[in-house]
């Protein structure tokens, strides 16, 4: 039980972040439809998220190396929060596409940090169990 308590804060934050991201992923297309965005743009909102995630997967490791895990985690969380809060403020298709890409970029960094954080706390004997708990948390979120 001690290894799980060592990563409990990370697991809780992962749950909250993933649940929030899932909620944003549900609300954004619905709001876009109600704002009269073209259907192509609504479809591109999903693609923009994953384009940002691809870019984040390529760039985020350099950010983490430069800023270390805790600071990079805080920066990616802050960026995610700003993007989600700013979406209802600036209702324009181009802005939302950029913000969805930024959210994907931030989440690529967050996933990488969370998983490496868990890996650093794990031993060879409990690595699979800790990763399994992490997967339960992510699917629960």
N, C-alpha and C. Protein backbone atom coordinates (compact mmCIF):
# COMPACT_ATOMS: atom_id res chain seq x y z
N UNK A 1 0.81 -1.20 0.00
CA UNK A 1 0.00 0.00 0.00
C UNK A 1 0.85 1.26 0.00
N UNK A 2 2.07 1.18 0.52
CA UNK A 2 2.95 2.35 0.58
C UNK A 2 3.25 2.92 -0.80
N UNK A 3 3.52 2.09 -1.83
CA UNK A 3 3.77 2.68 -3.15
C UNK A 3 2.58 3.47 -3.69
N UNK A 4 1.37 3.02 -3.41
CA UNK A 4 0.20 3.74 -3.89
C UNK A 4 0.07 5.08 -3.17
N UNK A 5 0.38 5.11 -1.88
CA UNK A 5 0.29 6.38 -1.15
C UNK A 5 1.35 7.36 -1.64
N UNK A 6 2.46 6.85 -2.18
CA UNK A 6 3.52 7.72 -2.70
C UNK A 6 3.07 8.45 -3.97
N UNK A 7 2.12 7.89 -4.68
CA UNK A 7 1.65 8.52 -5.92
C UNK A 7 0.18 8.93 -5.83
N UNK A 8 -0.38 8.92 -4.63
CA UNK A 8 -1.81 9.24 -4.48
C UNK A 8 -2.15 10.63 -5.00
N UNK A 9 -1.31 11.60 -4.71
CA UNK A 9 -1.58 12.97 -5.17
C UNK A 9 -1.55 13.04 -6.70
N UNK A 10 -0.61 12.33 -7.30
CA UNK A 10 -0.52 12.31 -8.76
C UNK A 10 -1.75 11.63 -9.35
N UNK A 11 -2.18 10.54 -8.73
CA UNK A 11 -3.36 9.83 -9.22
C UNK A 11 -4.62 10.68 -9.09
N UNK A 12 -4.76 11.38 -7.98
CA UNK A 12 -5.92 12.24 -7.79
C UNK A 12 -5.92 13.38 -8.81
N UNK A 13 -4.77 13.99 -9.01
CA UNK A 13 -4.70 15.07 -9.99
C UNK A 13 -4.95 14.55 -11.40
N UNK A 14 -4.45 13.35 -11.70
CA UNK A 14 -4.70 12.75 -13.02
C UNK A 14 -6.19 12.52 -13.22
N UNK A 15 -6.85 12.02 -12.18
CA UNK A 15 -8.29 11.79 -12.27
C UNK A 15 -9.04 13.09 -12.55
N UNK A 16 -8.74 14.13 -11.79
CA UNK A 16 -9.42 15.40 -11.96
C UNK A 16 -9.14 16.02 -13.33
N UNK A 17 -7.88 15.95 -13.77
CA UNK A 17 -7.52 16.51 -15.07
C UNK A 17 -8.21 15.77 -16.21
N UNK A 18 -8.21 14.45 -16.14
CA UNK A 18 -8.80 13.67 -17.22
C UNK A 18 -10.32 13.82 -17.23
N UNK A 19 -10.92 13.86 -16.06
CA UNK A 19 -12.37 14.08 -16.00
C UNK A 19 -12.72 15.46 -16.56
N UNK A 20 -11.94 16.47 -16.23
CA UNK A 20 -12.18 17.81 -16.76
C UNK A 20 -11.98 17.87 -18.27
N UNK A 21 -10.96 17.18 -18.74
CA UNK A 21 -10.71 17.16 -20.18
C UNK A 21 -11.83 16.46 -20.92
N UNK A 22 -12.33 15.37 -20.34
CA UNK A 22 -13.44 14.65 -20.97
C UNK A 22 -14.69 15.53 -21.01
N UNK A 23 -14.91 16.27 -19.93
CA UNK A 23 -16.06 17.17 -19.91
C UNK A 23 -15.91 18.27 -20.96
N UNK A 24 -14.72 18.83 -21.06
CA UNK A 24 -14.48 19.85 -22.09
C UNK A 24 -14.63 19.26 -23.49
N UNK A 25 -14.17 18.04 -23.67
CA UNK A 25 -14.31 17.38 -24.97
C UNK A 25 -15.76 17.13 -25.35
N UNK A 26 -16.62 17.02 -24.36
CA UNK A 26 -18.05 16.84 -24.60
C UNK A 26 -18.75 18.18 -24.83
N UNK A 27 -18.40 19.16 -24.02
CA UNK A 27 -19.09 20.45 -24.06
C UNK A 27 -18.70 21.29 -25.28
N UNK A 28 -17.43 21.25 -25.67
CA UNK A 28 -16.96 22.13 -26.76
C UNK A 28 -17.73 21.91 -28.06
N UNK A 29 -17.89 20.67 -28.54
CA UNK A 29 -18.65 20.53 -29.80
C UNK A 29 -20.13 20.93 -29.65
N UNK A 30 -20.70 20.67 -28.47
CA UNK A 30 -22.09 21.06 -28.27
C UNK A 30 -22.24 22.59 -28.28
N UNK A 31 -21.32 23.25 -27.61
CA UNK A 31 -21.35 24.72 -27.60
C UNK A 31 -21.06 25.27 -29.00
N UNK A 32 -20.13 24.64 -29.70
CA UNK A 32 -19.81 25.09 -31.06
C UNK A 32 -21.05 24.97 -31.96
N UNK A 33 -21.78 23.89 -31.80
CA UNK A 33 -23.02 23.71 -32.59
C UNK A 33 -24.03 24.79 -32.25
N UNK A 34 -24.18 25.08 -30.94
CA UNK A 34 -25.16 26.10 -30.55
C UNK A 34 -24.72 27.51 -30.97
N UNK A 35 -23.42 27.72 -31.15
CA UNK A 35 -22.91 29.02 -31.61
C UNK A 35 -22.97 29.15 -33.13
N UNK A 36 -23.37 28.07 -33.81
CA UNK A 36 -23.50 28.12 -35.26
C UNK A 36 -22.22 27.87 -36.04
N UNK A 37 -21.24 27.23 -35.41
CA UNK A 37 -20.01 26.90 -36.13
C UNK A 37 -20.36 25.91 -37.26
N UNK A 38 -19.67 26.02 -38.40
CA UNK A 38 -19.89 25.03 -39.46
C UNK A 38 -19.51 23.62 -38.99
N UNK A 39 -20.18 22.64 -39.56
CA UNK A 39 -19.93 21.26 -39.15
C UNK A 39 -18.48 20.84 -39.38
N UNK A 40 -17.88 21.34 -40.45
CA UNK A 40 -16.47 21.04 -40.70
C UNK A 40 -15.60 21.53 -39.55
N UNK A 41 -15.86 22.71 -39.06
CA UNK A 41 -15.08 23.27 -37.95
C UNK A 41 -15.29 22.44 -36.69
N UNK A 42 -16.51 22.00 -36.45
CA UNK A 42 -16.78 21.17 -35.27
C UNK A 42 -15.98 19.88 -35.35
N UNK A 43 -15.90 19.29 -36.53
CA UNK A 43 -15.08 18.09 -36.71
C UNK A 43 -13.59 18.39 -36.54
N UNK A 44 -13.18 19.54 -37.04
CA UNK A 44 -11.77 19.92 -36.91
C UNK A 44 -11.37 20.21 -35.47
N UNK A 45 -12.34 20.56 -34.61
CA UNK A 45 -12.02 20.79 -33.20
C UNK A 45 -11.45 19.53 -32.55
N UNK A 46 -12.01 18.38 -32.90
CA UNK A 46 -11.46 17.12 -32.40
C UNK A 46 -10.08 16.83 -32.97
N UNK A 47 -9.93 17.10 -34.26
CA UNK A 47 -8.63 16.87 -34.90
C UNK A 47 -7.57 17.82 -34.36
N UNK A 48 -7.96 19.04 -34.05
CA UNK A 48 -7.00 20.02 -33.52
C UNK A 48 -6.43 19.55 -32.19
N UNK A 49 -7.28 18.95 -31.35
CA UNK A 49 -6.81 18.44 -30.06
C UNK A 49 -5.71 17.40 -30.28
N UNK A 50 -5.94 16.48 -31.18
CA UNK A 50 -4.95 15.42 -31.40
C UNK A 50 -3.73 15.91 -32.18
N UNK A 51 -3.89 16.93 -32.99
CA UNK A 51 -2.72 17.55 -33.63
C UNK A 51 -1.84 18.20 -32.57
N UNK A 52 -2.48 18.88 -31.63
CA UNK A 52 -1.73 19.47 -30.52
C UNK A 52 -1.08 18.41 -29.66
N UNK A 53 -1.76 17.29 -29.48
CA UNK A 53 -1.18 16.21 -28.69
C UNK A 53 0.05 15.63 -29.40
N UNK A 54 0.00 15.51 -30.71
CA UNK A 54 1.16 15.04 -31.46
C UNK A 54 2.32 16.01 -31.31
N UNK A 55 2.06 17.29 -31.45
CA UNK A 55 3.11 18.29 -31.28
C UNK A 55 3.66 18.26 -29.85
N UNK A 56 2.77 18.09 -28.89
CA UNK A 56 3.20 18.02 -27.49
C UNK A 56 4.06 16.81 -27.21
N UNK A 57 3.73 15.70 -27.84
CA UNK A 57 4.54 14.50 -27.65
C UNK A 57 5.96 14.70 -28.17
N UNK A 58 6.11 15.54 -29.17
CA UNK A 58 7.43 15.80 -29.73
C UNK A 58 8.21 16.86 -28.94
N UNK A 59 7.51 17.87 -28.42
CA UNK A 59 8.16 19.02 -27.79
C UNK A 59 8.20 18.92 -26.26
N UNK A 60 7.19 18.34 -25.66
CA UNK A 60 7.08 18.32 -24.19
C UNK A 60 8.29 17.70 -23.49
N UNK A 61 8.90 16.64 -24.00
CA UNK A 61 10.07 16.10 -23.29
C UNK A 61 11.18 17.14 -23.09
N UNK A 62 11.40 17.99 -24.06
CA UNK A 62 12.41 19.05 -23.91
C UNK A 62 12.00 20.05 -22.84
N UNK A 63 10.71 20.35 -22.77
CA UNK A 63 10.22 21.27 -21.74
C UNK A 63 10.41 20.65 -20.36
N UNK A 64 10.09 19.37 -20.23
CA UNK A 64 10.23 18.68 -18.94
C UNK A 64 11.70 18.62 -18.53
N UNK A 65 12.59 18.33 -19.48
CA UNK A 65 14.02 18.29 -19.14
C UNK A 65 14.52 19.65 -18.66
N UNK A 66 14.01 20.70 -19.27
CA UNK A 66 14.47 22.03 -18.91
C UNK A 66 13.86 22.54 -17.60
N UNK A 67 12.59 22.23 -17.37
CA UNK A 67 11.89 22.79 -16.22
C UNK A 67 11.70 21.81 -15.07
N UNK A 68 12.10 20.59 -15.20
CA UNK A 68 11.89 19.47 -14.27
C UNK A 68 10.40 19.18 -14.09
N UNK A 69 10.12 18.03 -13.54
CA UNK A 69 8.76 17.50 -13.51
C UNK A 69 7.75 18.41 -12.82
N UNK A 70 8.05 18.87 -11.63
CA UNK A 70 7.06 19.62 -10.85
C UNK A 70 6.70 20.93 -11.54
N UNK A 71 7.69 21.66 -11.99
CA UNK A 71 7.42 22.95 -12.65
C UNK A 71 6.72 22.74 -13.98
N UNK A 72 7.15 21.75 -14.74
CA UNK A 72 6.50 21.48 -16.02
C UNK A 72 5.05 21.05 -15.81
N UNK A 73 4.82 20.22 -14.79
CA UNK A 73 3.47 19.79 -14.48
C UNK A 73 2.59 21.01 -14.16
N UNK A 74 3.09 21.89 -13.32
CA UNK A 74 2.34 23.09 -12.96
C UNK A 74 2.08 23.97 -14.19
N UNK A 75 3.06 24.08 -15.05
CA UNK A 75 2.90 24.91 -16.25
C UNK A 75 1.85 24.31 -17.20
N UNK A 76 1.90 23.01 -17.40
CA UNK A 76 0.93 22.37 -18.29
C UNK A 76 -0.48 22.42 -17.70
N UNK A 77 -0.60 22.25 -16.39
CA UNK A 77 -1.92 22.37 -15.75
C UNK A 77 -2.43 23.80 -15.89
N UNK A 78 -1.58 24.78 -15.63
CA UNK A 78 -1.99 26.18 -15.75
C UNK A 78 -2.41 26.50 -17.18
N UNK A 79 -1.67 26.02 -18.14
CA UNK A 79 -2.03 26.26 -19.55
C UNK A 79 -3.38 25.63 -19.87
N UNK A 80 -3.61 24.43 -19.37
CA UNK A 80 -4.89 23.75 -19.61
C UNK A 80 -6.05 24.53 -19.01
N UNK A 81 -5.86 25.01 -17.80
CA UNK A 81 -6.93 25.76 -17.12
C UNK A 81 -7.21 27.06 -17.86
N UNK A 82 -6.17 27.75 -18.27
CA UNK A 82 -6.36 29.01 -19.00
C UNK A 82 -7.12 28.77 -20.29
N UNK A 83 -6.76 27.74 -21.02
CA UNK A 83 -7.42 27.45 -22.29
C UNK A 83 -8.90 27.15 -22.06
N UNK A 84 -9.19 26.31 -21.09
CA UNK A 84 -10.59 25.93 -20.84
C UNK A 84 -11.41 27.13 -20.37
N UNK A 85 -10.82 27.97 -19.55
CA UNK A 85 -11.55 29.16 -19.08
C UNK A 85 -11.73 30.18 -20.20
N UNK A 86 -10.76 30.27 -21.10
CA UNK A 86 -10.79 31.29 -22.15
C UNK A 86 -11.74 30.93 -23.30
N UNK A 87 -12.05 29.65 -23.47
CA UNK A 87 -12.93 29.24 -24.58
C UNK A 87 -14.26 29.99 -24.60
N UNK A 88 -15.00 30.08 -23.49
CA UNK A 88 -16.27 30.80 -23.57
C UNK A 88 -16.11 32.31 -23.71
N UNK A 89 -14.91 32.82 -23.45
CA UNK A 89 -14.69 34.26 -23.55
C UNK A 89 -14.53 34.69 -25.01
N UNK A 90 -13.81 33.91 -25.78
CA UNK A 90 -13.54 34.25 -27.17
C UNK A 90 -14.16 33.18 -28.07
N UNK A 91 -15.39 33.41 -28.49
CA UNK A 91 -16.14 32.44 -29.28
C UNK A 91 -15.92 32.73 -30.75
N UNK A 92 -14.90 32.08 -31.31
CA UNK A 92 -14.59 32.20 -32.74
C UNK A 92 -13.97 30.89 -33.19
N UNK A 93 -14.35 30.40 -34.36
CA UNK A 93 -13.84 29.10 -34.80
C UNK A 93 -12.32 29.00 -34.81
N UNK A 94 -11.62 29.99 -35.35
CA UNK A 94 -10.16 29.92 -35.42
C UNK A 94 -9.54 29.91 -34.03
N UNK A 95 -10.08 30.70 -33.13
CA UNK A 95 -9.57 30.74 -31.76
C UNK A 95 -9.79 29.41 -31.07
N UNK A 96 -10.95 28.82 -31.26
CA UNK A 96 -11.23 27.54 -30.61
C UNK A 96 -10.34 26.43 -31.18
N UNK A 97 -10.07 26.49 -32.47
CA UNK A 97 -9.15 25.49 -33.05
C UNK A 97 -7.77 25.60 -32.42
N UNK A 98 -7.29 26.82 -32.26
CA UNK A 98 -5.98 27.02 -31.62
C UNK A 98 -6.00 26.58 -30.15
N UNK A 99 -7.09 26.90 -29.46
CA UNK A 99 -7.18 26.53 -28.05
C UNK A 99 -7.29 25.02 -27.86
N UNK A 100 -8.01 24.34 -28.76
CA UNK A 100 -8.10 22.88 -28.66
C UNK A 100 -6.72 22.25 -28.94
N UNK A 101 -5.97 22.81 -29.88
CA UNK A 101 -4.62 22.32 -30.14
C UNK A 101 -3.72 22.57 -28.94
N UNK A 102 -3.86 23.72 -28.31
CA UNK A 102 -3.07 24.02 -27.11
C UNK A 102 -3.42 23.08 -25.97
N UNK A 103 -4.68 22.74 -25.84
CA UNK A 103 -5.11 21.79 -24.80
C UNK A 103 -4.51 20.41 -25.07
N UNK A 104 -4.52 19.98 -26.32
CA UNK A 104 -3.90 18.70 -26.66
C UNK A 104 -2.41 18.71 -26.37
N UNK A 105 -1.75 19.81 -26.69
CA UNK A 105 -0.32 19.96 -26.41
C UNK A 105 -0.04 19.82 -24.92
N UNK A 106 -0.85 20.52 -24.11
CA UNK A 106 -0.66 20.48 -22.66
C UNK A 106 -0.91 19.08 -22.12
N UNK A 107 -1.92 18.41 -22.62
CA UNK A 107 -2.22 17.08 -22.11
C UNK A 107 -1.18 16.04 -22.53
N UNK A 108 -0.55 16.24 -23.65
CA UNK A 108 0.56 15.34 -24.01
C UNK A 108 1.66 15.45 -22.97
N UNK A 109 1.98 16.68 -22.59
CA UNK A 109 2.97 16.89 -21.54
C UNK A 109 2.53 16.33 -20.21
N UNK A 110 1.26 16.53 -19.86
CA UNK A 110 0.75 16.03 -18.58
C UNK A 110 0.80 14.51 -18.52
N UNK A 111 0.36 13.84 -19.58
CA UNK A 111 0.41 12.38 -19.59
C UNK A 111 1.84 11.88 -19.44
N UNK A 112 2.76 12.49 -20.15
CA UNK A 112 4.16 12.08 -20.05
C UNK A 112 4.72 12.27 -18.66
N UNK A 113 4.41 13.40 -18.04
CA UNK A 113 4.91 13.68 -16.69
C UNK A 113 4.31 12.73 -15.68
N UNK A 114 3.01 12.53 -15.75
CA UNK A 114 2.34 11.63 -14.80
C UNK A 114 2.91 10.22 -14.90
N UNK A 115 3.06 9.73 -16.12
CA UNK A 115 3.56 8.37 -16.29
C UNK A 115 5.02 8.24 -15.86
N UNK A 116 5.84 9.24 -16.13
CA UNK A 116 7.23 9.14 -15.69
C UNK A 116 7.34 9.31 -14.19
N UNK A 117 6.45 10.08 -13.60
CA UNK A 117 6.41 10.25 -12.16
C UNK A 117 6.08 8.92 -11.49
N UNK A 118 5.07 8.24 -12.01
CA UNK A 118 4.70 6.93 -11.48
C UNK A 118 5.86 5.95 -11.66
N UNK A 119 6.48 5.98 -12.82
CA UNK A 119 7.60 5.09 -13.09
C UNK A 119 8.76 5.33 -12.13
N UNK A 120 8.99 6.59 -11.76
CA UNK A 120 10.10 6.89 -10.86
C UNK A 120 9.83 6.41 -9.43
N UNK A 121 8.57 6.32 -9.04
CA UNK A 121 8.22 5.85 -7.70
C UNK A 121 8.08 4.34 -7.64
N UNK A 122 8.02 3.69 -8.77
CA UNK A 122 7.80 2.25 -8.82
C UNK A 122 9.12 1.48 -8.72
N UNK A 123 9.00 0.27 -8.22
CA UNK A 123 10.12 -0.67 -8.25
C UNK A 123 9.78 -1.74 -9.28
N UNK A 124 10.73 -2.59 -9.57
CA UNK A 124 10.46 -3.66 -10.54
C UNK A 124 9.34 -4.58 -10.08
N UNK A 125 9.19 -4.75 -8.77
CA UNK A 125 8.17 -5.67 -8.26
C UNK A 125 6.76 -5.07 -8.26
N UNK A 126 6.63 -3.75 -8.23
CA UNK A 126 5.28 -3.17 -8.17
C UNK A 126 4.93 -2.27 -9.36
N UNK A 127 5.79 -2.21 -10.34
CA UNK A 127 5.57 -1.32 -11.49
C UNK A 127 4.26 -1.64 -12.22
N UNK A 128 4.00 -2.90 -12.47
CA UNK A 128 2.77 -3.30 -13.17
C UNK A 128 1.53 -2.96 -12.37
N UNK A 129 1.57 -3.18 -11.06
CA UNK A 129 0.42 -2.87 -10.22
C UNK A 129 0.15 -1.37 -10.19
N UNK A 130 1.20 -0.56 -10.05
CA UNK A 130 1.01 0.89 -10.02
C UNK A 130 0.49 1.41 -11.37
N UNK A 131 1.03 0.86 -12.44
CA UNK A 131 0.55 1.30 -13.75
C UNK A 131 -0.90 0.86 -13.96
N UNK A 132 -1.25 -0.33 -13.45
CA UNK A 132 -2.63 -0.79 -13.53
C UNK A 132 -3.57 0.12 -12.77
N UNK A 133 -3.17 0.55 -11.58
CA UNK A 133 -3.98 1.50 -10.80
C UNK A 133 -4.13 2.81 -11.56
N UNK A 134 -3.05 3.26 -12.18
CA UNK A 134 -3.10 4.48 -12.98
C UNK A 134 -4.10 4.32 -14.13
N UNK A 135 -4.10 3.19 -14.77
CA UNK A 135 -5.04 2.97 -15.87
C UNK A 135 -6.48 2.95 -15.39
N UNK A 136 -6.72 2.38 -14.22
CA UNK A 136 -8.06 2.40 -13.64
C UNK A 136 -8.50 3.84 -13.39
N UNK A 137 -7.58 4.64 -12.85
CA UNK A 137 -7.88 6.04 -12.58
C UNK A 137 -8.18 6.79 -13.89
N UNK A 138 -7.38 6.56 -14.93
CA UNK A 138 -7.59 7.27 -16.19
C UNK A 138 -8.92 6.86 -16.83
N UNK A 139 -9.23 5.58 -16.83
CA UNK A 139 -10.49 5.16 -17.42
C UNK A 139 -11.68 5.61 -16.58
N UNK A 140 -11.48 5.69 -15.27
CA UNK A 140 -12.52 6.22 -14.39
C UNK A 140 -12.78 7.69 -14.64
N UNK A 141 -11.71 8.42 -14.93
CA UNK A 141 -11.85 9.86 -15.21
C UNK A 141 -12.55 10.08 -16.52
